[in-house]
Amino acid sequence: MWDKPLTEEDIEKMVERVAGEVHKRGLDTPAILFLEMHKPLANVFAHGALAFSPFLMPFLGFDRVDRYTQFMASPQNVERLIQRIESRRDAQAEAKTNG
């Protein structure tokens, strides 16, 4: 696992995909709270997911487990995700007040 590092484009796609799903489900605030609280442990969670990867791979697939564990191993990526979720939430709130 982790043979090929994530490119900046891969990271951006993942951030956009996750932020979009969180926003679509209306879980902006809980997701931000969860990510902020657990940001210092992101690397631990990523390595924990690697330990459980034999159980996760049949459901999620090798590539997805590989990419998301790499993504979560970096607190900078988690911060980037938080900022994207916040920007989507703020844009929606602004659209409601203006429209």
C-alpha atoms as a PDB file:
ATOM      1  CA  MET A   1       0.000   0.000   0.000  1.00  0.00           C
ATOM      2  CA  TRP A   2       0.995   3.608  -0.480  1.00  0.00           C
ATOM      3  CA  ASP A   3       3.273   2.684  -3.376  1.00  0.00           C
ATOM      4  CA  LYS A   4       2.197   5.714  -5.378  1.00  0.00           C
ATOM      5  CA  PRO A   5       1.853   9.025  -3.501  1.00  0.00           C
ATOM      6  CA  LEU A   6      -1.263  11.130  -4.000  1.00  0.00           C
ATOM      7  CA  THR A   7      -0.915  13.975  -6.443  1.00  0.00           C
ATOM      8  CA  GLU A   8      -2.255  17.432  -5.717  1.00  0.00           C
ATOM      9  CA  GLU A   9      -5.023  16.749  -8.240  1.00  0.00           C
ATOM     10  CA  ASP A  10      -5.985  13.514  -6.440  1.00  0.00           C
ATOM     11  CA  ILE A  11      -6.142  15.325  -3.109  1.00  0.00           C
ATOM     12  CA  GLU A  12      -8.277  18.105  -4.567  1.00  0.00           C
ATOM     13  CA  LYS A  13     -10.726  15.596  -6.079  1.00  0.00           C
ATOM     14  CA  MET A  14     -11.003  13.754  -2.773  1.00  0.00           C
ATOM     15  CA  VAL A  15     -11.587  16.958  -0.821  1.00  0.00           C
ATOM     16  CA  GLU A  16     -14.253  18.050  -3.282  1.00  0.00           C
ATOM     17  CA  ARG A  17     -15.966  14.652  -3.282  1.00  0.00           C
ATOM     18  CA  VAL A  18     -16.071  14.290   0.507  1.00  0.00           C
ATOM     19  CA  ALA A  19     -17.109  17.915   1.091  1.00  0.00           C
ATOM     20  CA  GLY A  20     -19.864  17.532  -1.496  1.00  0.00           C
ATOM     21  CA  GLU A  21     -21.243  14.392   0.128  1.00  0.00           C
ATOM     22  CA  VAL A  22     -21.131  15.938   3.601  1.00  0.00           C
ATOM     23  CA  HIS A  23     -22.897  19.084   2.375  1.00  0.00           C
ATOM     24  CA  LYS A  24     -25.484  17.129   0.376  1.00  0.00           C
ATOM     25  CA  ARG A  25     -26.480  15.233   3.514  1.00  0.00           C
ATOM     26  CA  GLY A  26     -26.626  18.391   5.645  1.00  0.00           C
ATOM     27  CA  LEU A  27     -23.886  17.191   7.981  1.00  0.00           C
ATOM     28  CA  ASP A  28     -21.663  20.264   7.701  1.00  0.00           C
ATOM     29  CA  THR A  29     -21.553  21.199  11.380  1.00  0.00           C
ATOM     30  CA  PRO A  30     -21.193  17.661  12.803  1.00  0.00           C
ATOM     31  CA  ALA A  31     -18.475  16.853  10.251  1.00  0.00           C
ATOM     32  CA  ILE A  32     -16.531  20.026  11.049  1.00  0.00           C
ATOM     33  CA  LEU A  33     -16.803  19.341  14.765  1.00  0.00           C
ATOM     34  CA  PHE A  34     -15.694  15.725  14.349  1.00  0.00           C
ATOM     35  CA  LEU A  35     -12.786  16.586  12.063  1.00  0.00           C
ATOM     36  CA  GLU A  36     -11.561  19.438  14.275  1.00  0.00           C
ATOM     37  CA  MET A  37     -11.651  17.240  17.377  1.00  0.00           C
ATOM     38  CA  HIS A  38      -9.848  14.359  15.711  1.00  0.00           C
ATOM     39  CA  LYS A  39      -7.410  16.246  13.483  1.00  0.00           C
ATOM     40  CA  PRO A  40      -4.448  15.523  15.807  1.00  0.00           C
ATOM     41  CA  LEU A  41      -5.287  11.818  15.553  1.00  0.00           C
ATOM     42  CA  ALA A  42      -5.680  11.720  11.766  1.00  0.00           C
ATOM     43  CA  ASN A  43      -2.407   9.863  11.295  1.00  0.00           C
ATOM     44  CA  VAL A  44      -3.376   7.301  13.945  1.00  0.00           C
ATOM     45  CA  PHE A  45      -6.763   6.739  12.268  1.00  0.00           C
ATOM     46  CA  ALA A  46      -5.082   6.328   8.879  1.00  0.00           C
ATOM     47  CA  HIS A  47      -2.733   3.690  10.218  1.00  0.00           C
ATOM     48  CA  GLY A  48      -5.596   2.024  12.072  1.00  0.00           C
ATOM     49  CA  ALA A  49      -7.468   1.795   8.792  1.00  0.00           C
ATOM     50  CA  LEU A  50      -4.392   0.145   7.295  1.00  0.00           C
ATOM     51  CA  ALA A  51      -4.470  -2.436  10.071  1.00  0.00           C
ATOM     52  CA  PHE A  52      -8.138  -3.130   9.321  1.00  0.00           C
ATOM     53  CA  SER A  53      -7.683  -2.945   5.549  1.00  0.00           C
ATOM     54  CA  PRO A  54      -8.195  -6.700   5.047  1.00  0.00           C
ATOM     55  CA  PHE A  55     -11.696  -6.206   6.445  1.00  0.00           C
ATOM     56  CA  LEU A  56     -12.353  -2.925   4.612  1.00  0.00           C
ATOM     57  CA  MET A  57     -11.088  -3.898   1.158  1.00  0.00           C
ATOM     58  CA  PRO A  58     -13.899  -6.320   0.276  1.00  0.00           C
ATOM     59  CA  PHE A  59     -16.420  -3.520   0.857  1.00  0.00           C
ATOM     60  CA  LEU A  60     -14.509  -0.457  -0.330  1.00  0.00           C
ATOM     61  CA  GLY A  61     -11.900  -1.847  -2.714  1.00  0.00           C
ATOM     62  CA  PHE A  62      -8.120  -1.666  -2.569  1.00  0.00           C
ATOM     63  CA  ASP A  63      -7.734   1.649  -4.384  1.00  0.00           C
ATOM     64  CA  ARG A  64     -10.235   3.500  -2.221  1.00  0.00           C
ATOM     65  CA  VAL A  65      -8.728   2.230   1.052  1.00  0.00           C
ATOM     66  CA  ASP A  66      -5.235   3.053  -0.218  1.00  0.00           C
ATOM     67  CA  ARG A  67      -6.125   6.598  -1.305  1.00  0.00           C
ATOM     68  CA  TYR A  68      -8.184   7.554   1.735  1.00  0.00           C
ATOM     69  CA  THR A  69      -5.643   6.221   4.234  1.00  0.00           C
ATOM     70  CA  GLN A  70      -2.961   8.293   2.504  1.00  0.00           C
ATOM     71  CA  PHE A  71      -5.273  11.282   2.536  1.00  0.00           C
ATOM     72  CA  MET A  72      -6.133  10.976   6.235  1.00  0.00           C
ATOM     73  CA  ALA A  73      -2.486  10.496   7.242  1.00  0.00           C
ATOM     74  CA  SER A  74      -1.877  14.216   6.709  1.00  0.00           C
ATOM     75  CA  PRO A  75      -3.410  16.777   9.101  1.00  0.00           C
ATOM     76  CA  GLN A  76      -3.026  19.364   6.320  1.00  0.00           C
ATOM     77  CA  ASN A  77      -5.454  17.387   4.168  1.00  0.00           C
ATOM     78  CA  VAL A  78      -7.925  17.213   7.040  1.00  0.00           C
ATOM     79  CA  GLU A  79      -7.653  20.986   7.510  1.00  0.00           C
ATOM     80  CA  ARG A  80      -8.204  21.476   3.793  1.00  0.00           C
ATOM     81  CA  LEU A  81     -11.346  19.339   3.992  1.00  0.00           C
ATOM     82  CA  ILE A  82     -12.628  21.343   6.962  1.00  0.00           C
ATOM     83  CA  GLN A  83     -12.087  24.599   5.078  1.00  0.00           C
ATOM     84  CA  ARG A  84     -13.924  23.281   2.009  1.00  0.00           C
ATOM     85  CA  ILE A  85     -16.899  22.126   4.088  1.00  0.00           C
ATOM     86  CA  GLU A  86     -17.001  25.516   5.837  1.00  0.00           C
ATOM     87  CA  SER A  87     -16.882  27.392   2.532  1.00  0.00           C
ATOM     88  CA  ARG A  88     -19.792  25.349   1.149  1.00  0.00           C
ATOM     89  CA  ARG A  89     -21.795  25.916   4.335  1.00  0.00           C
ATOM     90  CA  ASP A  90     -21.070  29.653   4.278  1.00  0.00           C
ATOM     91  CA  ALA A  91     -21.967  29.942   0.594  1.00  0.00           C
ATOM     92  CA  GLN A  92     -25.298  28.248   1.245  1.00  0.00           C
ATOM     93  CA  ALA A  93     -26.022  30.525   4.219  1.00  0.00           C
ATOM     94  CA  GLU A  94     -25.167  33.597   2.145  1.00  0.00           C
ATOM     95  CA  ALA A  95     -27.402  32.412  -0.693  1.00  0.00           C
ATOM     96  CA  LYS A  96     -30.287  31.995   1.749  1.00  0.00           C
ATOM     97  CA  THR A  97     -29.867  35.500   3.175  1.00  0.00           C
ATOM     98  CA  ASN A  98     -29.545  37.105  -0.272  1.00  0.00           C
ATOM     99  CA  GLY A  99     -32.174  35.068  -2.015  1.00  0.00           C
END
